[in-house]
mmCIF file of all heavy atoms, coordinates in Angstrom:
data_MODEL
# 
_entry.id   MODEL 
# 
loop_
_atom_site.group_PDB 
_atom_site.id 
_atom_site.type_symbol 
_atom_site.label_atom_id 
_atom_site.label_alt_id 
_atom_site.label_comp_id 
_atom_site.label_asym_id 
_atom_site.label_entity_id 
_atom_site.label_seq_id 
_atom_site.pdbx_PDB_ins_code 
_atom_site.Cartn_x 
_atom_site.Cartn_y 
_atom_site.Cartn_z 
_atom_site.occupancy 
_atom_site.B_iso_or_equiv 
_atom_site.pdbx_formal_charge 
_atom_site.auth_seq_id 
_atom_site.auth_comp_id 
_atom_site.auth_asym_id 
_atom_site.auth_atom_id 
_atom_site.pdbx_PDB_model_num 
ATOM 1   N N   . GLN A 1 1  ? 3.147  6.442   0.907   1.00 0.00 ? 1  GLN A N   1 
ATOM 2   C CA  . GLN A 1 1  ? 2.138  5.509   1.367   1.00 0.00 ? 1  GLN A CA  1 
ATOM 3   C C   . GLN A 1 1  ? 1.972  4.361   0.398   1.00 0.00 ? 1  GLN A C   1 
ATOM 4   O O   . GLN A 1 1  ? 1.862  3.210   0.781   1.00 0.00 ? 1  GLN A O   1 
ATOM 5   C CB  . GLN A 1 1  ? 0.797  6.242   1.543   1.00 0.00 ? 1  GLN A CB  1 
ATOM 6   C CG  . GLN A 1 1  ? 0.820  7.268   2.678   1.00 0.00 ? 1  GLN A CG  1 
ATOM 7   C CD  . GLN A 1 1  ? -0.485 8.040   2.734   1.00 0.00 ? 1  GLN A CD  1 
ATOM 8   O OE1 . GLN A 1 1  ? -1.296 7.965   1.814   1.00 0.00 ? 1  GLN A OE1 1 
ATOM 9   N NE2 . GLN A 1 1  ? -0.695 8.771   3.814   1.00 0.00 ? 1  GLN A NE2 1 
ATOM 10  N N   . SER A 1 2  ? 1.984  4.685   -0.893  1.00 0.00 ? 2  SER A N   1 
ATOM 11  C CA  . SER A 1 2  ? 1.859  3.643   -1.917  1.00 0.00 ? 2  SER A CA  1 
ATOM 12  C C   . SER A 1 2  ? 3.053  2.708   -1.861  1.00 0.00 ? 2  SER A C   1 
ATOM 13  O O   . SER A 1 2  ? 2.943  1.510   -2.081  1.00 0.00 ? 2  SER A O   1 
ATOM 14  C CB  . SER A 1 2  ? 1.748  4.273   -3.303  1.00 0.00 ? 2  SER A CB  1 
ATOM 15  O OG  . SER A 1 2  ? 0.609  5.076   -3.373  1.00 0.00 ? 2  SER A OG  1 
ATOM 16  N N   . ALA A 1 3  ? 4.249  3.276   -1.595  1.00 0.00 ? 3  ALA A N   1 
ATOM 17  C CA  . ALA A 1 3  ? 5.444  2.449   -1.513  1.00 0.00 ? 3  ALA A CA  1 
ATOM 18  C C   . ALA A 1 3  ? 5.317  1.444   -0.391  1.00 0.00 ? 3  ALA A C   1 
ATOM 19  O O   . ALA A 1 3  ? 5.660  0.266   -0.529  1.00 0.00 ? 3  ALA A O   1 
ATOM 20  C CB  . ALA A 1 3  ? 6.668  3.339   -1.293  1.00 0.00 ? 3  ALA A CB  1 
ATOM 21  N N   . GLY A 1 4  ? 4.799  1.893   0.777   1.00 0.00 ? 4  GLY A N   1 
ATOM 22  C CA  . GLY A 1 4  ? 4.628  0.970   1.887   1.00 0.00 ? 4  GLY A CA  1 
ATOM 23  C C   . GLY A 1 4  ? 3.646  -0.127  1.550   1.00 0.00 ? 4  GLY A C   1 
ATOM 24  O O   . GLY A 1 4  ? 3.855  -1.296  1.878   1.00 0.00 ? 4  GLY A O   1 
ATOM 25  N N   . SER A 1 5  ? 2.551  0.243   0.876   1.00 0.00 ? 5  SER A N   1 
ATOM 26  C CA  . SER A 1 5  ? 1.561  -0.767  0.471   1.00 0.00 ? 5  SER A CA  1 
ATOM 27  C C   . SER A 1 5  ? 2.166  -1.767  -0.477  1.00 0.00 ? 5  SER A C   1 
ATOM 28  O O   . SER A 1 5  ? 1.893  -2.966  -0.409  1.00 0.00 ? 5  SER A O   1 
ATOM 29  C CB  . SER A 1 5  ? 0.356  -0.072  -0.193  1.00 0.00 ? 5  SER A CB  1 
ATOM 30  O OG  . SER A 1 5  ? -0.244 0.819   0.712   1.00 0.00 ? 5  SER A OG  1 
ATOM 31  N N   . ALA A 1 6  ? 2.980  -1.291  -1.423  1.00 0.00 ? 6  ALA A N   1 
ATOM 32  C CA  . ALA A 1 6  ? 3.587  -2.188  -2.405  1.00 0.00 ? 6  ALA A CA  1 
ATOM 33  C C   . ALA A 1 6  ? 4.523  -3.167  -1.730  1.00 0.00 ? 6  ALA A C   1 
ATOM 34  O O   . ALA A 1 6  ? 4.566  -4.347  -2.066  1.00 0.00 ? 6  ALA A O   1 
ATOM 35  C CB  . ALA A 1 6  ? 4.339  -1.368  -3.451  1.00 0.00 ? 6  ALA A CB  1 
ATOM 36  N N   . LYS A 1 7  ? 5.304  -2.676  -0.713  1.00 0.00 ? 7  LYS A N   1 
ATOM 37  C CA  . LYS A 1 7  ? 6.240  -3.561  -0.028  1.00 0.00 ? 7  LYS A CA  1 
ATOM 38  C C   . LYS A 1 7  ? 5.497  -4.635  0.763   1.00 0.00 ? 7  LYS A C   1 
ATOM 39  O O   . LYS A 1 7  ? 5.908  -5.787  0.819   1.00 0.00 ? 7  LYS A O   1 
ATOM 40  C CB  . LYS A 1 7  ? 7.144  -2.747  0.884   1.00 0.00 ? 7  LYS A CB  1 
ATOM 41  C CG  . LYS A 1 7  ? 8.133  -1.875  0.111   1.00 0.00 ? 7  LYS A CG  1 
ATOM 42  C CD  . LYS A 1 7  ? 8.964  -1.021  1.043   1.00 0.00 ? 7  LYS A CD  1 
ATOM 43  C CE  . LYS A 1 7  ? 9.939  -0.144  0.248   1.00 0.00 ? 7  LYS A CE  1 
ATOM 44  N NZ  . LYS A 1 7  ? 10.711 0.746   1.143   1.00 0.00 ? 7  LYS A NZ  1 
ATOM 45  N N   . ARG A 1 8  ? 4.370  -4.243  1.394   1.00 0.00 ? 8  ARG A N   1 
ATOM 46  C CA  . ARG A 1 8  ? 3.588  -5.233  2.132   1.00 0.00 ? 8  ARG A CA  1 
ATOM 47  C C   . ARG A 1 8  ? 2.973  -6.252  1.205   1.00 0.00 ? 8  ARG A C   1 
ATOM 48  O O   . ARG A 1 8  ? 2.795  -7.411  1.572   1.00 0.00 ? 8  ARG A O   1 
ATOM 49  C CB  . ARG A 1 8  ? 2.489  -4.525  2.932   1.00 0.00 ? 8  ARG A CB  1 
ATOM 50  C CG  . ARG A 1 8  ? 3.028  -3.751  4.140   1.00 0.00 ? 8  ARG A CG  1 
ATOM 51  C CD  . ARG A 1 8  ? 1.874  -3.335  5.038   1.00 0.00 ? 8  ARG A CD  1 
ATOM 52  N NE  . ARG A 1 8  ? 0.969  -2.416  4.361   1.00 0.00 ? 8  ARG A NE  1 
ATOM 53  C CZ  . ARG A 1 8  ? 1.141  -1.099  4.362   1.00 0.00 ? 8  ARG A CZ  1 
ATOM 54  N NH1 . ARG A 1 8  ? 2.197  -0.554  4.939   1.00 0.00 ? 8  ARG A NH1 1 
ATOM 55  N NH2 . ARG A 1 8  ? 0.269  -0.315  3.760   1.00 0.00 ? 8  ARG A NH2 1 
ATOM 56  N N   . ALA A 1 9  ? 2.666  -5.830  -0.037  1.00 0.00 ? 9  ALA A N   1 
ATOM 57  C CA  . ALA A 1 9  ? 2.051  -6.762  -1.003  1.00 0.00 ? 9  ALA A CA  1 
ATOM 58  C C   . ALA A 1 9  ? 3.050  -7.757  -1.523  1.00 0.00 ? 9  ALA A C   1 
ATOM 59  O O   . ALA A 1 9  ? 2.686  -8.729  -2.166  1.00 0.00 ? 9  ALA A O   1 
ATOM 60  C CB  . ALA A 1 9  ? 1.439  -5.977  -2.175  1.00 0.00 ? 9  ALA A CB  1 
ATOM 61  N N   . ALA A 1 10 ? 4.339  -7.558  -1.262  1.00 0.00 ? 10 ALA A N   1 
ATOM 62  C CA  . ALA A 1 10 ? 5.367  -8.443  -1.814  1.00 0.00 ? 10 ALA A CA  1 
ATOM 63  C C   . ALA A 1 10 ? 5.225  -9.860  -1.310  1.00 0.00 ? 10 ALA A C   1 
ATOM 64  O O   . ALA A 1 10 ? 5.708  -10.795 -1.935  1.00 0.00 ? 10 ALA A O   1 
ATOM 65  C CB  . ALA A 1 10 ? 6.754  -7.897  -1.457  1.00 0.00 ? 10 ALA A CB  1 
ATOM 66  N N   . VAL A 1 11 ? 4.580  -10.046 -0.167  1.00 0.00 ? 11 VAL A N   1 
ATOM 67  C CA  . VAL A 1 11 ? 4.449  -11.392 0.374   1.00 0.00 ? 11 VAL A CA  1 
ATOM 68  C C   . VAL A 1 11 ? 3.313  -12.148 -0.295  1.00 0.00 ? 11 VAL A C   1 
ATOM 69  O O   . VAL A 1 11 ? 3.160  -13.339 -0.107  1.00 0.00 ? 11 VAL A O   1 
ATOM 70  C CB  . VAL A 1 11 ? 4.201  -11.339 1.899   1.00 0.00 ? 11 VAL A CB  1 
ATOM 71  C CG1 . VAL A 1 11 ? 5.402  -10.735 2.603   1.00 0.00 ? 11 VAL A CG1 1 
ATOM 72  C CG2 . VAL A 1 11 ? 2.927  -10.543 2.219   1.00 0.00 ? 11 VAL A CG2 1 
ATOM 73  N N   . SER A 1 12 ? 2.469  -11.463 -1.062  1.00 0.00 ? 12 SER A N   1 
ATOM 74  C CA  . SER A 1 12 ? 1.359  -12.110 -1.737  1.00 0.00 ? 12 SER A CA  1 
ATOM 75  C C   . SER A 1 12 ? 1.819  -12.646 -3.072  1.00 0.00 ? 12 SER A C   1 
ATOM 76  O O   . SER A 1 12 ? 2.963  -12.521 -3.453  1.00 0.00 ? 12 SER A O   1 
ATOM 77  C CB  . SER A 1 12 ? 0.206  -11.113 -1.920  1.00 0.00 ? 12 SER A CB  1 
ATOM 78  O OG  . SER A 1 12 ? 0.615  -10.069 -2.762  1.00 0.00 ? 12 SER A OG  1 
ATOM 79  N N   . THR A 1 13 ? 0.874  -13.269 -3.788  1.00 0.00 ? 13 THR A N   1 
ATOM 80  C CA  . THR A 1 13 ? 1.186  -13.816 -5.106  1.00 0.00 ? 13 THR A CA  1 
ATOM 81  C C   . THR A 1 13 ? 0.360  -13.106 -6.146  1.00 0.00 ? 13 THR A C   1 
ATOM 82  O O   . THR A 1 13 ? -0.569 -12.372 -5.833  1.00 0.00 ? 13 THR A O   1 
ATOM 83  C CB  . THR A 1 13 ? 0.873  -15.316 -5.153  1.00 0.00 ? 13 THR A CB  1 
ATOM 84  O OG1 . THR A 1 13 ? -0.509 -15.503 -4.830  1.00 0.00 ? 13 THR A OG1 1 
ATOM 85  C CG2 . THR A 1 13 ? 1.756  -16.080 -4.182  1.00 0.00 ? 13 THR A CG2 1 
ATOM 86  N N   . GLY A 1 14 ? 0.648  -13.368 -7.436  1.00 0.00 ? 14 GLY A N   1 
ATOM 87  C CA  . GLY A 1 14 ? -0.135 -12.789 -8.513  1.00 0.00 ? 14 GLY A CA  1 
ATOM 88  C C   . GLY A 1 14 ? 0.389  -11.436 -8.919  1.00 0.00 ? 14 GLY A C   1 
ATOM 89  O O   . GLY A 1 14 ? 1.522  -11.063 -8.619  1.00 0.00 ? 14 GLY A O   1 
ATOM 90  N N   . PRO A 1 15 ? -0.436 -10.645 -9.620  1.00 0.00 ? 15 PRO A N   1 
ATOM 91  C CA  . PRO A 1 15 ? -0.016 -9.341  -10.138 1.00 0.00 ? 15 PRO A CA  1 
ATOM 92  C C   . PRO A 1 15 ? 0.520  -8.409  -9.077  1.00 0.00 ? 15 PRO A C   1 
ATOM 93  O O   . PRO A 1 15 ? 1.452  -7.647  -9.302  1.00 0.00 ? 15 PRO A O   1 
ATOM 94  C CB  . PRO A 1 15 ? -1.309 -8.796  -10.771 1.00 0.00 ? 15 PRO A CB  1 
ATOM 95  C CG  . PRO A 1 15 ? -2.121 -9.997  -11.082 1.00 0.00 ? 15 PRO A CG  1 
ATOM 96  C CD  . PRO A 1 15 ? -1.805 -10.999 -10.009 1.00 0.00 ? 15 PRO A CD  1 
ATOM 97  N N   . GLY A 1 16 ? -0.064 -8.439  -7.825  1.00 0.00 ? 16 GLY A N   1 
ATOM 98  C CA  . GLY A 1 16 ? 0.406  -7.562  -6.772  1.00 0.00 ? 16 GLY A CA  1 
ATOM 99  C C   . GLY A 1 16 ? 1.846  -7.838  -6.407  1.00 0.00 ? 16 GLY A C   1 
ATOM 100 O O   . GLY A 1 16 ? 2.626  -6.914  -6.165  1.00 0.00 ? 16 GLY A O   1 
ATOM 101 N N   . ALA A 1 17 ? 2.238  -9.123  -6.364  1.00 0.00 ? 17 ALA A N   1 
ATOM 102 C CA  . ALA A 1 17 ? 3.621  -9.475  -6.042  1.00 0.00 ? 17 ALA A CA  1 
ATOM 103 C C   . ALA A 1 17 ? 4.571  -8.980  -7.106  1.00 0.00 ? 17 ALA A C   1 
ATOM 104 O O   . ALA A 1 17 ? 5.669  -8.506  -6.818  1.00 0.00 ? 17 ALA A O   1 
ATOM 105 C CB  . ALA A 1 17 ? 3.739  -10.990 -5.885  1.00 0.00 ? 17 ALA A CB  1 
ATOM 106 N N   . CYS A 1 18 ? 4.134  -9.082  -8.350  1.00 0.00 ? 18 CYS A N   1 
ATOM 107 C CA  . CYS A 1 18 ? 4.968  -8.600  -9.455  1.00 0.00 ? 18 CYS A CA  1 
ATOM 108 C C   . CYS A 1 18 ? 5.194  -7.104  -9.346  1.00 0.00 ? 18 CYS A C   1 
ATOM 109 O O   . CYS A 1 18 ? 6.308  -6.609  -9.482  1.00 0.00 ? 18 CYS A O   1 
ATOM 110 C CB  . CYS A 1 18 ? 4.296  -8.944  -10.785 1.00 0.00 ? 18 CYS A CB  1 
ATOM 111 S SG  . CYS A 1 18 ? 5.240  -8.415  -12.213 1.00 0.00 ? 18 CYS A SG  1 
ATOM 112 N N   . PHE A 1 19 ? 4.116  -6.375  -9.046  1.00 0.00 ? 19 PHE A N   1 
ATOM 113 C CA  . PHE A 1 19 ? 4.238  -4.922  -8.904  1.00 0.00 ? 19 PHE A CA  1 
ATOM 114 C C   . PHE A 1 19 ? 5.170  -4.567  -7.757  1.00 0.00 ? 19 PHE A C   1 
ATOM 115 O O   . PHE A 1 19 ? 6.027  -3.700  -7.861  1.00 0.00 ? 19 PHE A O   1 
ATOM 116 C CB  . PHE A 1 19 ? 2.848  -4.319  -8.665  1.00 0.00 ? 19 PHE A CB  1 
ATOM 117 C CG  . PHE A 1 19 ? 2.875  -2.839  -8.406  1.00 0.00 ? 19 PHE A CG  1 
ATOM 118 C CD1 . PHE A 1 19 ? 2.895  -1.946  -9.458  1.00 0.00 ? 19 PHE A CD1 1 
ATOM 119 C CD2 . PHE A 1 19 ? 2.899  -2.343  -7.112  1.00 0.00 ? 19 PHE A CD2 1 
ATOM 120 C CE1 . PHE A 1 19 ? 2.929  -0.582  -9.230  1.00 0.00 ? 19 PHE A CE1 1 
ATOM 121 C CE2 . PHE A 1 19 ? 2.948  -0.975  -6.877  1.00 0.00 ? 19 PHE A CE2 1 
ATOM 122 C CZ  . PHE A 1 19 ? 2.954  -0.100  -7.943  1.00 0.00 ? 19 PHE A CZ  1 
ATOM 123 N N   . ALA A 1 20 ? 5.023  -5.266  -6.609  1.00 0.00 ? 20 ALA A N   1 
ATOM 124 C CA  . ALA A 1 20 ? 5.840  -4.974  -5.442  1.00 0.00 ? 20 ALA A CA  1 
ATOM 125 C C   . ALA A 1 20 ? 7.309  -5.231  -5.722  1.00 0.00 ? 20 ALA A C   1 
ATOM 126 O O   . ALA A 1 20 ? 8.181  -4.467  -5.297  1.00 0.00 ? 20 ALA A O   1 
ATOM 127 C CB  . ALA A 1 20 ? 5.369  -5.824  -4.260  1.00 0.00 ? 20 ALA A CB  1 
ATOM 128 N N   . ALA A 1 21 ? 7.595  -6.315  -6.443  1.00 0.00 ? 21 ALA A N   1 
ATOM 129 C CA  . ALA A 1 21 ? 8.987  -6.629  -6.764  1.00 0.00 ? 21 ALA A CA  1 
ATOM 130 C C   . ALA A 1 21 ? 9.580  -5.545  -7.646  1.00 0.00 ? 21 ALA A C   1 
ATOM 131 O O   . ALA A 1 21 ? 10.729 -5.145  -7.465  1.00 0.00 ? 21 ALA A O   1 
ATOM 132 C CB  . ALA A 1 21 ? 9.063  -7.985  -7.461  1.00 0.00 ? 21 ALA A CB  1 
ATOM 133 N N   . SER A 1 22 ? 8.803  -5.068  -8.602  1.00 0.00 ? 22 SER A N   1 
ATOM 134 C CA  . SER A 1 22 ? 9.291  -4.001  -9.470  1.00 0.00 ? 22 SER A CA  1 
ATOM 135 C C   . SER A 1 22 ? 9.593  -2.749  -8.660  1.00 0.00 ? 22 SER A C   1 
ATOM 136 O O   . SER A 1 22 ? 10.595 -2.070  -8.867  1.00 0.00 ? 22 SER A O   1 
ATOM 137 C CB  . SER A 1 22 ? 8.245  -3.679  -10.546 1.00 0.00 ? 22 SER A CB  1 
ATOM 138 O OG  . SER A 1 22 ? 8.055  -4.776  -11.383 1.00 0.00 ? 22 SER A OG  1 
ATOM 139 N N   . TYR A 1 23 ? 8.714  -2.451  -7.691  1.00 0.00 ? 23 TYR A N   1 
ATOM 140 C CA  . TYR A 1 23 ? 8.907  -1.259  -6.870  1.00 0.00 ? 23 TYR A CA  1 
ATOM 141 C C   . TYR A 1 23 ? 10.192 -1.371  -6.045  1.00 0.00 ? 23 TYR A C   1 
ATOM 142 O O   . TYR A 1 23 ? 10.969 -0.422  -5.932  1.00 0.00 ? 23 TYR A O   1 
ATOM 143 C CB  . TYR A 1 23 ? 7.710  -1.057  -5.940  1.00 0.00 ? 23 TYR A CB  1 
ATOM 144 C CG  . TYR A 1 23 ? 7.769  0.259   -5.192  1.00 0.00 ? 23 TYR A CG  1 
ATOM 145 C CD1 . TYR A 1 23 ? 7.138  1.387   -5.712  1.00 0.00 ? 23 TYR A CD1 1 
ATOM 146 C CD2 . TYR A 1 23 ? 8.482  0.372   -4.004  1.00 0.00 ? 23 TYR A CD2 1 
ATOM 147 C CE1 . TYR A 1 23 ? 7.205  2.597   -5.055  1.00 0.00 ? 23 TYR A CE1 1 
ATOM 148 C CE2 . TYR A 1 23 ? 8.561  1.581   -3.337  1.00 0.00 ? 23 TYR A CE2 1 
ATOM 149 C CZ  . TYR A 1 23 ? 7.913  2.691   -3.871  1.00 0.00 ? 23 TYR A CZ  1 
ATOM 150 O OH  . TYR A 1 23 ? 7.998  3.887   -3.220  1.00 0.00 ? 23 TYR A OH  1 
ATOM 151 N N   . ALA A 1 24 ? 10.425 -2.548  -5.497  1.00 0.00 ? 24 ALA A N   1 
ATOM 152 C CA  . ALA A 1 24 ? 11.607 -2.739  -4.653  1.00 0.00 ? 24 ALA A CA  1 
ATOM 153 C C   . ALA A 1 24 ? 12.882 -2.556  -5.435  1.00 0.00 ? 24 ALA A C   1 
ATOM 154 O O   . ALA A 1 24 ? 13.887 -2.071  -4.917  1.00 0.00 ? 24 ALA A O   1 
ATOM 155 C CB  . ALA A 1 24 ? 11.564 -4.130  -4.025  1.00 0.00 ? 24 ALA A CB  1 
# 
């Protein structure tokens, strides 16, 4: 579930985008 949230956050900017990119 967290992985899905992180992937959806990839379209945003700021710290969330950085986290999502790392996850991917």
